[in-house]
């Protein structure tokens, strides 16, 4: 069995955007990990396309945003058309984010960027490696992987399944993946095409005979149409002729039609959620634990957010001590972390208060912490013997915003050695320095506040 210095602390199954995002953030925190993927090569099909503002903020914190933007096409709005012309525009410019747009970046390009970043950090990636078995006990996980013709046993502290909707990890855990498959069927085509449409907008057409979506990509366009009736099982693969009638109805009889497709596919929509996100030391992330409609471009984004939010928790666990006990306590409810956002200042659990737009999880309660004469919202979790602060949320926080007073903060974070942020309650309460409560921010972001930028997990 592979143990010792060559053994990873975290084994990640799946080298898609979710697994690579998790691996990068673990390595940035100094936690060794290995990613394995059953496929010997990356798929060349574009698959997922859209990256929303929050994903771009995450990539900015990871240091890959410039490379991602160079491979993508920004879309400023969603434009909805009817049979008689445009109906409405949904402008992304109103988003309260440094990146108020949707970036169209095909999944293979994104994976290539993330893989380069992962390898430059010293990450170990095994392609063509299939997970066969996984067993766990109180000290770790033992995974049996078929790689290069041999069955290799890998010992690790934690394992994360980021291996998609057909997750092998989820199946080995025996977790149900309940949900619903909708009757509607859709056809997808990535084409070389030059229509008379704005190439900085997502276009949706509501037509009597069915719907059409036209999405500009960095190279060509993606077309998606709803299929009328049940598809004929003997019809075979879809062809471009299936799209031509819908394009004429949407854009007129004289519109140019695509002649060649780089990728054609038929798909259905499912909505499924795993019963538990964690079984002891084995966790799930991304499509392995939830799938939803691709319309709206949320699938890849939720996986990236899963990985980014999970990374700092795994770092705390691997570093041990009180932080690990705190992580275990907050994850006691089988590891499920539903994202419940509060609108404005609302009562939380009857007597505490929760900050605007923040996420509340089982085992976590919110309160107002007095700092510099003001009540700032803080997220707390119940440790084994006392209350341990996880994240303090300054009321002035916005993505990319940082007060000038941060430069003069005192103390050091014991988790990273970085200077303590000014909102740390340990420092302001005179407890002799920070005890690590700011770790959720600085532990994997190299104390991003010192660079005049704050990135909040989740």
Protein backbone atom coordinates (compact mmCIF):
# COMPACT_ATOMS: atom_id res chain seq x y z
CA UNK A 1 0.00 0.00 0.00
CA UNK A 2 1.22 3.50 -0.80
CA UNK A 3 1.92 5.30 2.49
CA UNK A 4 4.55 7.61 3.96
CA UNK A 5 5.81 10.72 2.22
CA UNK A 6 4.40 9.64 -1.16
CA UNK A 7 0.87 9.19 0.17
CA UNK A 8 -1.55 12.10 -0.35
CA UNK A 9 -3.56 13.47 2.54
CA UNK A 10 -6.55 13.88 0.23
CA UNK A 11 -7.41 11.64 -2.72
CA UNK A 12 -9.68 13.32 -5.27
CA UNK A 13 -11.57 11.14 -7.73
CA UNK A 14 -12.34 13.08 -10.92
CA UNK A 15 -10.22 15.56 -12.88
CA UNK A 16 -13.01 17.87 -14.01
CA UNK A 17 -13.43 21.50 -12.93
CA UNK A 18 -14.63 20.44 -9.46
CA UNK A 19 -11.75 18.09 -8.71
CA UNK A 20 -9.10 20.42 -10.14
CA UNK A 21 -10.46 23.43 -8.22
CA UNK A 22 -10.33 21.43 -5.01
CA UNK A 23 -6.84 20.16 -5.72
CA UNK A 24 -5.46 23.62 -6.48
CA UNK A 25 -6.79 25.11 -3.26
CA UNK A 26 -5.51 22.22 -1.15
CA UNK A 27 -2.04 22.57 -2.65
CA UNK A 28 -2.05 26.31 -2.08
CA UNK A 29 -2.58 25.58 1.61
CA UNK A 30 0.24 23.04 1.67
CA UNK A 31 -1.98 19.95 1.84
CA UNK A 32 -0.66 17.21 -0.50
CA UNK A 33 -3.29 15.59 -2.68
CA UNK A 34 -3.62 13.36 -5.70
CA UNK A 35 -6.29 13.45 -8.43
CA UNK A 36 -7.21 10.30 -10.32
CA UNK A 37 -9.46 10.11 -13.37
CA UNK A 38 -10.77 7.09 -15.23
CA UNK A 39 -10.40 8.75 -18.64
CA UNK A 40 -6.95 8.56 -20.20
CA UNK A 41 -7.48 11.89 -22.01
CA UNK A 42 -9.65 14.96 -21.55
CA UNK A 43 -12.80 15.04 -23.63
CA UNK A 44 -12.59 17.45 -26.57
CA UNK A 45 -16.33 18.16 -26.59
CA UNK A 46 -17.22 21.59 -25.25
CA UNK A 47 -19.87 20.34 -22.78
CA UNK A 48 -20.42 23.02 -20.09
CA UNK A 49 -19.86 26.62 -21.19
CA UNK A 50 -20.96 29.34 -18.79
CA UNK A 51 -19.01 30.76 -15.85
CA UNK A 52 -20.99 33.09 -13.61
CA UNK A 53 -19.65 36.03 -11.60
CA UNK A 54 -19.03 34.03 -8.42
CA UNK A 55 -16.94 31.45 -10.29
CA UNK A 56 -14.87 34.28 -11.76
CA UNK A 57 -14.30 35.66 -8.26
CA UNK A 58 -13.12 32.21 -7.18
CA UNK A 59 -10.74 31.94 -10.12
CA UNK A 60 -9.42 35.40 -9.32
CA UNK A 61 -8.55 34.22 -5.80
CA UNK A 62 -6.88 31.13 -7.29
CA UNK A 63 -4.72 33.17 -9.66
CA UNK A 64 -6.13 31.73 -12.90
CA UNK A 65 -8.68 34.35 -13.91
CA UNK A 66 -6.56 36.06 -16.57
CA UNK A 67 -5.90 32.75 -18.31
CA UNK A 68 -9.59 31.80 -18.15
CA UNK A 69 -10.73 35.13 -19.56
CA UNK A 70 -8.22 34.83 -22.39
CA UNK A 71 -9.92 31.58 -23.44
CA UNK A 72 -13.50 32.81 -23.06
CA UNK A 73 -16.04 35.21 -24.50
CA UNK A 74 -17.86 37.60 -22.12
CA UNK A 75 -21.63 37.80 -22.51
CA UNK A 76 -23.22 40.97 -21.19
CA UNK A 77 -26.88 39.93 -21.21
CA UNK A 78 -29.57 37.38 -21.91
CA UNK A 79 -31.82 38.51 -24.75
CA UNK A 80 -35.23 36.85 -25.04
CA UNK A 81 -36.96 36.89 -28.42
CA UNK A 82 -40.51 36.10 -29.43
CA UNK A 83 -41.87 35.36 -32.88
CA UNK A 84 -42.26 39.09 -33.53
CA UNK A 85 -38.88 40.23 -32.21
CA UNK A 86 -37.04 40.92 -28.94
CA UNK A 87 -39.12 40.70 -25.77
CA UNK A 88 -36.67 41.68 -23.03
CA UNK A 89 -33.02 41.92 -22.02
CA UNK A 90 -31.51 40.65 -18.77
CA UNK A 91 -28.42 42.80 -18.20
CA UNK A 92 -25.60 41.21 -16.19
CA UNK A 93 -24.07 44.66 -15.70
CA UNK A 94 -26.30 45.17 -12.64
CA UNK A 95 -24.60 42.36 -10.72
CA UNK A 96 -22.80 43.51 -7.55
CA UNK A 97 -19.55 41.85 -8.57
CA UNK A 98 -16.19 42.90 -10.01
CA UNK A 99 -17.09 40.64 -12.94
CA UNK A 100 -20.66 41.54 -13.96
CA UNK A 101 -20.99 39.23 -16.95
CA UNK A 102 -21.29 35.61 -17.96
CA UNK A 103 -18.06 34.21 -19.39
CA UNK A 104 -18.49 31.59 -22.08
CA UNK A 105 -15.50 29.26 -21.71
CA UNK A 106 -15.82 25.67 -23.01
CA UNK A 107 -15.07 23.07 -20.37
CA UNK A 108 -12.02 21.51 -22.13
CA UNK A 109 -10.29 24.91 -22.21
CA UNK A 110 -11.08 25.52 -18.55
CA UNK A 111 -9.84 22.07 -17.54
CA UNK A 112 -6.58 22.62 -19.42
CA UNK A 113 -5.97 25.90 -17.55
CA UNK A 114 -6.78 24.38 -14.16
CA UNK A 115 -4.64 21.32 -14.86
CA UNK A 116 -1.63 23.51 -15.74
CA UNK A 117 -2.09 25.45 -12.51
CA UNK A 118 -2.46 22.22 -10.52
CA UNK A 119 0.70 20.69 -11.96
CA UNK A 120 2.72 23.89 -11.44
CA UNK A 121 1.83 23.68 -7.76
CA UNK A 122 3.29 20.18 -7.70
CA UNK A 123 0.00 18.33 -8.02
CA UNK A 124 -0.04 14.63 -8.85
CA UNK A 125 -2.57 13.60 -11.54
CA UNK A 126 -3.16 10.01 -12.60
CA UNK A 127 -5.12 9.67 -15.83
CA UNK A 128 -6.47 6.30 -16.87
CA UNK A 129 -6.79 5.36 -13.18
CA UNK A 130 -10.03 3.63 -12.15
CA UNK A 131 -11.24 3.47 -8.56
CA UNK A 132 -12.17 -0.13 -7.69
CA UNK A 133 -12.71 -0.19 -3.94
CA UNK A 134 -12.64 2.15 -0.96
CA UNK A 135 -12.61 1.27 2.73
CA UNK A 136 -12.34 3.59 5.69
CA UNK A 137 -11.82 3.48 9.43
CA UNK A 138 -11.11 5.99 12.17
CA UNK A 139 -7.62 6.73 10.90
CA UNK A 140 -8.12 7.10 7.14
CA UNK A 141 -9.25 5.72 3.80
CA UNK A 142 -7.73 2.93 1.75
CA UNK A 143 -8.55 3.11 -1.96
CA UNK A 144 -7.74 0.42 -4.51
CA UNK A 145 -7.01 1.96 -7.91
CA UNK A 146 -6.29 0.21 -11.19
CA UNK A 147 -3.52 2.22 -12.83
CA UNK A 148 -1.14 1.29 -15.62
CA UNK A 149 -2.27 -2.33 -15.50
CA UNK A 150 -1.73 -2.75 -11.74
CA UNK A 151 -4.04 -2.58 -8.73
CA UNK A 152 -2.54 0.00 -6.37
CA UNK A 153 -3.65 0.53 -2.76
CA UNK A 154 -3.48 4.17 -1.67
CA UNK A 155 -3.74 5.22 1.97
CA UNK A 156 -5.09 8.71 2.59
CA UNK A 157 -6.74 10.75 5.32
CA UNK A 158 -9.72 11.82 3.21
CA UNK A 159 -11.25 11.01 -0.16
CA UNK A 160 -13.50 13.26 -2.24
CA UNK A 161 -15.67 11.99 -5.08
CA UNK A 162 -15.83 14.63 -7.82
CA UNK A 163 -16.44 12.05 -10.52
CA UNK A 164 -19.69 13.28 -12.03
CA UNK A 165 -23.31 12.18 -12.12
CA UNK A 166 -22.35 8.51 -12.50
CA UNK A 167 -20.03 8.75 -9.50
CA UNK A 168 -18.21 5.55 -8.57
CA UNK A 169 -17.52 6.97 -5.11
CA UNK A 170 -21.22 7.57 -4.48
CA UNK A 171 -22.05 4.05 -5.62
CA UNK A 172 -19.38 2.52 -3.37
CA UNK A 173 -20.90 4.40 -0.45
CA UNK A 174 -24.34 3.06 -1.38
CA UNK A 175 -25.93 6.51 -1.20
CA UNK A 176 -29.25 7.01 -3.02
CA UNK A 177 -29.34 9.64 -5.75
CA UNK A 178 -33.05 10.39 -5.79
CA UNK A 179 -34.69 12.86 -8.10
CA UNK A 180 -36.68 13.21 -11.26
CA UNK A 181 -36.05 12.91 -15.00
CA UNK A 182 -38.20 15.25 -17.06
CA UNK A 183 -39.94 14.17 -20.24
CA UNK A 184 -38.56 16.97 -22.38
CA UNK A 185 -35.70 16.12 -24.73
CA UNK A 186 -33.23 18.54 -26.27
CA UNK A 187 -30.79 18.57 -29.17
CA UNK A 188 -27.45 20.34 -28.97
CA UNK A 189 -25.07 21.38 -31.74
CA UNK A 190 -21.76 23.27 -31.68
CA UNK A 191 -21.50 24.83 -35.14
CA UNK A 192 -19.46 27.16 -37.31
CA UNK A 193 -21.98 29.86 -38.10
CA UNK A 194 -22.19 33.62 -38.70
CA UNK A 195 -25.73 34.77 -37.86
CA UNK A 196 -27.10 38.29 -37.72
CA UNK A 197 -27.13 38.24 -33.91
CA UNK A 198 -25.15 40.15 -31.30
CA UNK A 199 -22.19 38.02 -30.27
CA UNK A 200 -22.05 39.37 -26.71
CA UNK A 201 -25.44 38.04 -25.59
CA UNK A 202 -27.13 34.74 -24.85
CA UNK A 203 -30.17 34.53 -27.18
CA UNK A 204 -33.33 32.62 -26.32
CA UNK A 205 -36.25 32.26 -28.73
CA UNK A 206 -39.79 31.37 -27.57
CA UNK A 207 -41.53 29.91 -30.63
CA UNK A 208 -44.83 28.18 -31.26
CA UNK A 209 -43.15 24.97 -32.45
CA UNK A 210 -40.56 24.87 -29.67
CA UNK A 211 -37.71 26.83 -28.15
CA UNK A 212 -34.26 27.70 -29.45
CA UNK A 213 -31.15 28.93 -27.65
CA UNK A 214 -28.21 30.43 -29.54
CA UNK A 215 -25.04 30.99 -27.52
CA UNK A 216 -21.89 32.61 -28.94
CA UNK A 217 -18.74 30.69 -28.00
CA UNK A 218 -15.14 31.84 -28.38
CA UNK A 219 -15.08 29.73 -31.54
CA UNK A 220 -18.48 29.30 -33.22
CA UNK A 221 -21.96 29.03 -31.71
CA UNK A 222 -23.91 26.56 -29.62
CA UNK A 223 -27.49 25.83 -30.65
CA UNK A 224 -29.99 24.06 -28.38
CA UNK A 225 -33.54 23.19 -29.42
CA UNK A 226 -36.36 21.47 -27.59
CA UNK A 227 -37.47 18.28 -29.30
CA UNK A 228 -41.18 17.88 -30.00
CA UNK A 229 -42.64 14.61 -28.73
CA UNK A 230 -40.77 11.53 -27.61
CA UNK A 231 -37.64 10.80 -29.65
CA UNK A 232 -37.72 7.74 -31.86
CA UNK A 233 -35.32 5.15 -30.43
CA UNK A 234 -34.45 4.09 -33.97
CA UNK A 235 -33.92 7.63 -35.25
CA UNK A 236 -30.17 7.49 -34.66
CA UNK A 237 -27.94 10.48 -34.07
CA UNK A 238 -29.37 13.98 -34.56
CA UNK A 239 -28.41 16.00 -37.62
CA UNK A 240 -28.23 19.69 -38.48
CA UNK A 241 -31.44 19.42 -40.48
CA UNK A 242 -33.22 19.15 -37.12
CA UNK A 243 -32.08 22.72 -36.38
CA UNK A 244 -32.74 24.35 -39.75
CA UNK A 245 -36.52 24.64 -39.48
CA UNK A 246 -36.26 26.14 -35.99
CA UNK A 247 -33.64 28.65 -37.15
CA UNK A 248 -35.81 29.76 -40.05
CA UNK A 249 -38.77 30.24 -37.71
CA UNK A 250 -36.65 32.31 -35.32
CA UNK A 251 -34.56 34.37 -37.75
CA UNK A 252 -36.45 34.32 -41.04
CA UNK A 253 -36.37 32.26 -44.21
CA UNK A 254 -33.32 34.09 -45.56
CA UNK A 255 -31.10 33.50 -42.55
CA UNK A 256 -27.83 31.65 -43.26
CA UNK A 257 -27.86 28.10 -41.95
CA UNK A 258 -24.93 26.24 -40.39
CA UNK A 259 -23.49 23.57 -42.66
CA UNK A 260 -21.10 21.78 -40.35
CA UNK A 261 -21.30 20.72 -36.70
CA UNK A 262 -18.32 20.01 -34.48
CA UNK A 263 -20.51 18.21 -31.95
CA UNK A 264 -24.09 16.93 -31.97
CA UNK A 265 -25.86 15.44 -28.98
CA UNK A 266 -29.28 14.62 -27.55
CA UNK A 267 -29.92 15.05 -23.83
CA UNK A 268 -32.62 15.04 -21.18
CA UNK A 269 -32.93 17.09 -18.00
CA UNK A 270 -32.65 15.55 -14.57
CA UNK A 271 -32.91 16.92 -11.06
CA UNK A 272 -31.23 14.72 -8.45
CA UNK A 273 -29.72 15.16 -4.99
CA UNK A 274 -27.69 12.67 -2.98
CA UNK A 275 -29.03 11.77 0.46
CA UNK A 276 -25.76 12.70 2.26
CA UNK A 277 -22.73 14.70 1.17
CA UNK A 278 -20.36 12.81 3.47
CA UNK A 279 -19.84 9.42 5.01
CA UNK A 280 -17.14 9.85 7.66
CA UNK A 281 -13.90 10.46 5.72
CA UNK A 282 -15.35 10.16 2.22
CA UNK A 283 -17.09 13.20 0.73
CA UNK A 284 -18.87 14.12 -2.50
CA UNK A 285 -18.79 17.33 -4.55
CA UNK A 286 -20.23 18.65 -7.81
CA UNK A 287 -22.36 16.46 -10.07
CA UNK A 288 -21.54 13.47 -7.89
CA UNK A 289 -24.00 14.82 -5.33
CA UNK A 290 -26.39 17.06 -7.27
CA UNK A 291 -27.48 17.52 -10.88
CA UNK A 292 -29.90 20.04 -12.36
CA UNK A 293 -30.93 21.46 -15.70
CA UNK A 294 -28.04 22.71 -17.85
CA UNK A 295 -30.25 25.63 -18.87
CA UNK A 296 -29.00 28.55 -16.81
CA UNK A 297 -25.41 27.25 -16.76
CA UNK A 298 -25.38 26.29 -13.08
CA UNK A 299 -23.96 22.76 -13.14
CA UNK A 300 -20.26 23.53 -13.57
CA UNK A 301 -20.55 26.63 -11.37
CA UNK A 302 -22.08 24.78 -8.43
CA UNK A 303 -19.31 22.17 -8.66
CA UNK A 304 -16.62 24.88 -8.58
CA UNK A 305 -18.34 26.51 -5.59
CA UNK A 306 -18.58 23.13 -3.83
CA UNK A 307 -14.84 22.58 -4.23
CA UNK A 308 -13.85 26.08 -3.17
CA UNK A 309 -16.05 25.97 -0.09
CA UNK A 310 -14.94 22.44 0.81
CA UNK A 311 -11.21 23.12 0.43
CA UNK A 312 -10.73 25.30 3.51
CA UNK A 313 -12.69 22.84 5.66
CA UNK A 314 -10.46 19.96 4.53
CA UNK A 315 -7.38 22.08 5.20
CA UNK A 316 -8.53 22.72 8.76
CA UNK A 317 -9.17 19.01 9.24
CA UNK A 318 -5.79 17.94 7.85
CA UNK A 319 -4.00 20.44 10.09
CA UNK A 320 -5.64 18.85 13.12
CA UNK A 321 -6.22 20.32 16.56
CA UNK A 322 -9.27 22.33 17.55
CA UNK A 323 -9.94 23.33 13.97
CA UNK A 324 -10.36 19.67 12.99
CA UNK A 325 -12.71 19.02 15.92
CA UNK A 326 -14.71 22.10 14.98
CA UNK A 327 -15.01 20.92 11.36
CA UNK A 328 -16.18 17.50 12.53
CA UNK A 329 -18.75 19.05 14.85
CA UNK A 330 -20.26 21.25 12.17
CA UNK A 331 -20.34 18.33 9.76
CA UNK A 332 -22.07 15.99 12.20
CA UNK A 333 -25.30 16.12 10.25
CA UNK A 334 -23.92 13.67 7.66
CA UNK A 335 -21.90 16.37 5.94
CA UNK A 336 -24.78 18.17 4.23
CA UNK A 337 -24.32 21.91 3.83
CA UNK A 338 -27.51 23.41 2.34
CA UNK A 339 -27.00 27.01 1.31
CA UNK A 340 -29.62 29.18 3.00
CA UNK A 341 -29.18 32.84 2.24
CA UNK A 342 -30.72 35.50 4.43
CA UNK A 343 -32.25 38.56 2.80
CA UNK A 344 -31.22 41.65 4.74
CA UNK A 345 -30.86 41.53 8.52
CA UNK A 346 -33.16 38.80 9.75
CA UNK A 347 -33.51 37.01 13.11
CA UNK A 348 -31.55 33.77 13.24
CA UNK A 349 -32.65 31.00 15.60
CA UNK A 350 -34.89 33.35 17.53
CA UNK A 351 -32.31 35.50 19.32
CA UNK A 352 -29.23 35.81 17.11
CA UNK A 353 -28.75 37.73 13.91
CA UNK A 354 -27.54 36.67 10.51
CA UNK A 355 -25.74 38.93 8.03
CA UNK A 356 -27.15 39.78 4.59
CA UNK A 357 -26.60 37.20 1.89
CA UNK A 358 -24.58 34.81 4.05
CA UNK A 359 -24.97 31.06 4.24
CA UNK A 360 -26.13 29.19 7.31
CA UNK A 361 -25.46 25.49 7.84
CA UNK A 362 -26.61 22.89 10.39
CA UNK A 363 -24.63 23.22 13.61
CA UNK A 364 -23.71 26.82 12.83
CA UNK A 365 -25.39 29.80 14.42
CA UNK A 366 -24.92 33.48 13.75
CA UNK A 367 -24.38 36.37 16.12
CA UNK A 368 -23.30 40.00 16.20
CA UNK A 369 -19.71 40.48 17.39
CA UNK A 370 -18.79 43.92 18.72
CA UNK A 371 -15.71 45.16 16.89
CA UNK A 372 -14.54 48.78 16.95
CA UNK A 373 -17.82 49.88 18.51
CA UNK A 374 -19.97 48.22 15.83
CA UNK A 375 -21.86 44.96 15.72
CA UNK A 376 -20.46 42.87 12.89
CA UNK A 377 -22.08 39.59 11.89
CA UNK A 378 -20.02 36.53 12.73
CA UNK A 379 -20.59 32.89 11.90
CA UNK A 380 -19.83 30.59 14.82
CA UNK A 381 -19.75 26.85 15.25
CA UNK A 382 -20.04 24.80 18.41
CA UNK A 383 -16.75 23.11 19.26
CA UNK A 384 -16.43 20.31 21.78
CA UNK A 385 -15.86 22.60 24.76
CA UNK A 386 -16.49 26.17 23.71
CA UNK A 387 -17.49 28.48 20.88
CA UNK A 388 -14.96 28.81 18.09
CA UNK A 389 -15.33 31.59 15.53
CA UNK A 390 -15.09 30.49 11.90
CA UNK A 391 -15.74 33.65 9.89
CA UNK A 392 -16.39 37.28 10.76
CA UNK A 393 -18.16 39.25 8.04
CA UNK A 394 -17.47 43.00 8.09
CA UNK A 395 -20.57 45.00 7.08
CA UNK A 396 -18.55 46.97 4.53
CA UNK A 397 -17.47 43.83 2.68
CA UNK A 398 -18.04 43.73 -1.05
CA UNK A 399 -16.09 41.66 -3.59
CA UNK A 400 -12.83 43.48 -4.27
CA UNK A 401 -13.28 46.07 -1.50
CA UNK A 402 -10.86 46.55 1.39
CA UNK A 403 -10.48 49.43 3.89
CA UNK A 404 -7.20 51.26 4.22
CA UNK A 405 -7.07 50.48 7.93
CA UNK A 406 -6.34 46.81 7.13
CA UNK A 407 -2.71 47.60 6.44
CA UNK A 408 -2.05 48.36 10.10
CA UNK A 409 -3.48 45.16 11.62
CA UNK A 410 -1.57 43.45 14.45
CA UNK A 411 -0.86 39.82 15.25
CA UNK A 412 -0.40 36.68 13.21
CA UNK A 413 -2.71 33.89 12.17
CA UNK A 414 -1.31 30.65 13.65
CA UNK A 415 -2.65 28.65 10.74
CA UNK A 416 -0.58 30.48 8.13
CA UNK A 417 1.74 32.90 9.88
CA UNK A 418 0.01 35.72 8.00
CA UNK A 419 -0.87 38.98 9.67
CA UNK A 420 -4.21 39.00 11.47
CA UNK A 421 -7.06 40.82 9.70
CA UNK A 422 -8.48 43.80 11.63
CA UNK A 423 -11.87 42.17 12.07
CA UNK A 424 -10.43 39.24 14.09
CA UNK A 425 -12.34 39.15 17.42
CA UNK A 426 -9.38 37.46 19.19
CA UNK A 427 -7.17 40.48 18.54
CA UNK A 428 -9.82 43.11 19.31
CA UNK A 429 -10.95 41.32 22.48
CA UNK A 430 -7.43 41.34 23.90
CA UNK A 431 -6.89 37.59 23.90
CA UNK A 432 -3.21 37.85 23.17
CA UNK A 433 -3.35 37.41 19.41
CA UNK A 434 -5.33 35.53 16.82
CA UNK A 435 -6.24 31.91 17.58
CA UNK A 436 -7.01 30.99 13.99
CA UNK A 437 -10.56 32.29 13.64
CA UNK A 438 -9.54 34.11 10.46
CA UNK A 439 -8.24 30.86 8.95
CA UNK A 440 -11.33 30.40 6.81
CA UNK A 441 -10.27 33.49 4.87
CA UNK A 442 -6.51 33.48 4.84
CA UNK A 443 -5.64 29.82 5.18
CA UNK A 444 -5.87 29.06 1.47
CA UNK A 445 -5.77 32.50 -0.06
CA UNK A 446 -2.30 33.58 1.14
CA UNK A 447 -3.89 36.24 3.36
CA UNK A 448 -5.67 37.84 0.44
CA UNK A 449 -6.63 40.81 2.63
CA UNK A 450 -3.00 41.97 2.55
CA UNK A 451 -3.40 42.34 -1.21
CA UNK A 452 -6.36 44.67 -0.69
CA UNK A 453 -8.85 42.01 -1.67
CA UNK A 454 -11.07 39.76 0.38
CA UNK A 455 -12.42 36.45 -0.84
CA UNK A 456 -15.02 34.73 1.32
CA UNK A 457 -15.44 30.94 0.92
CA UNK A 458 -18.79 29.52 -0.15
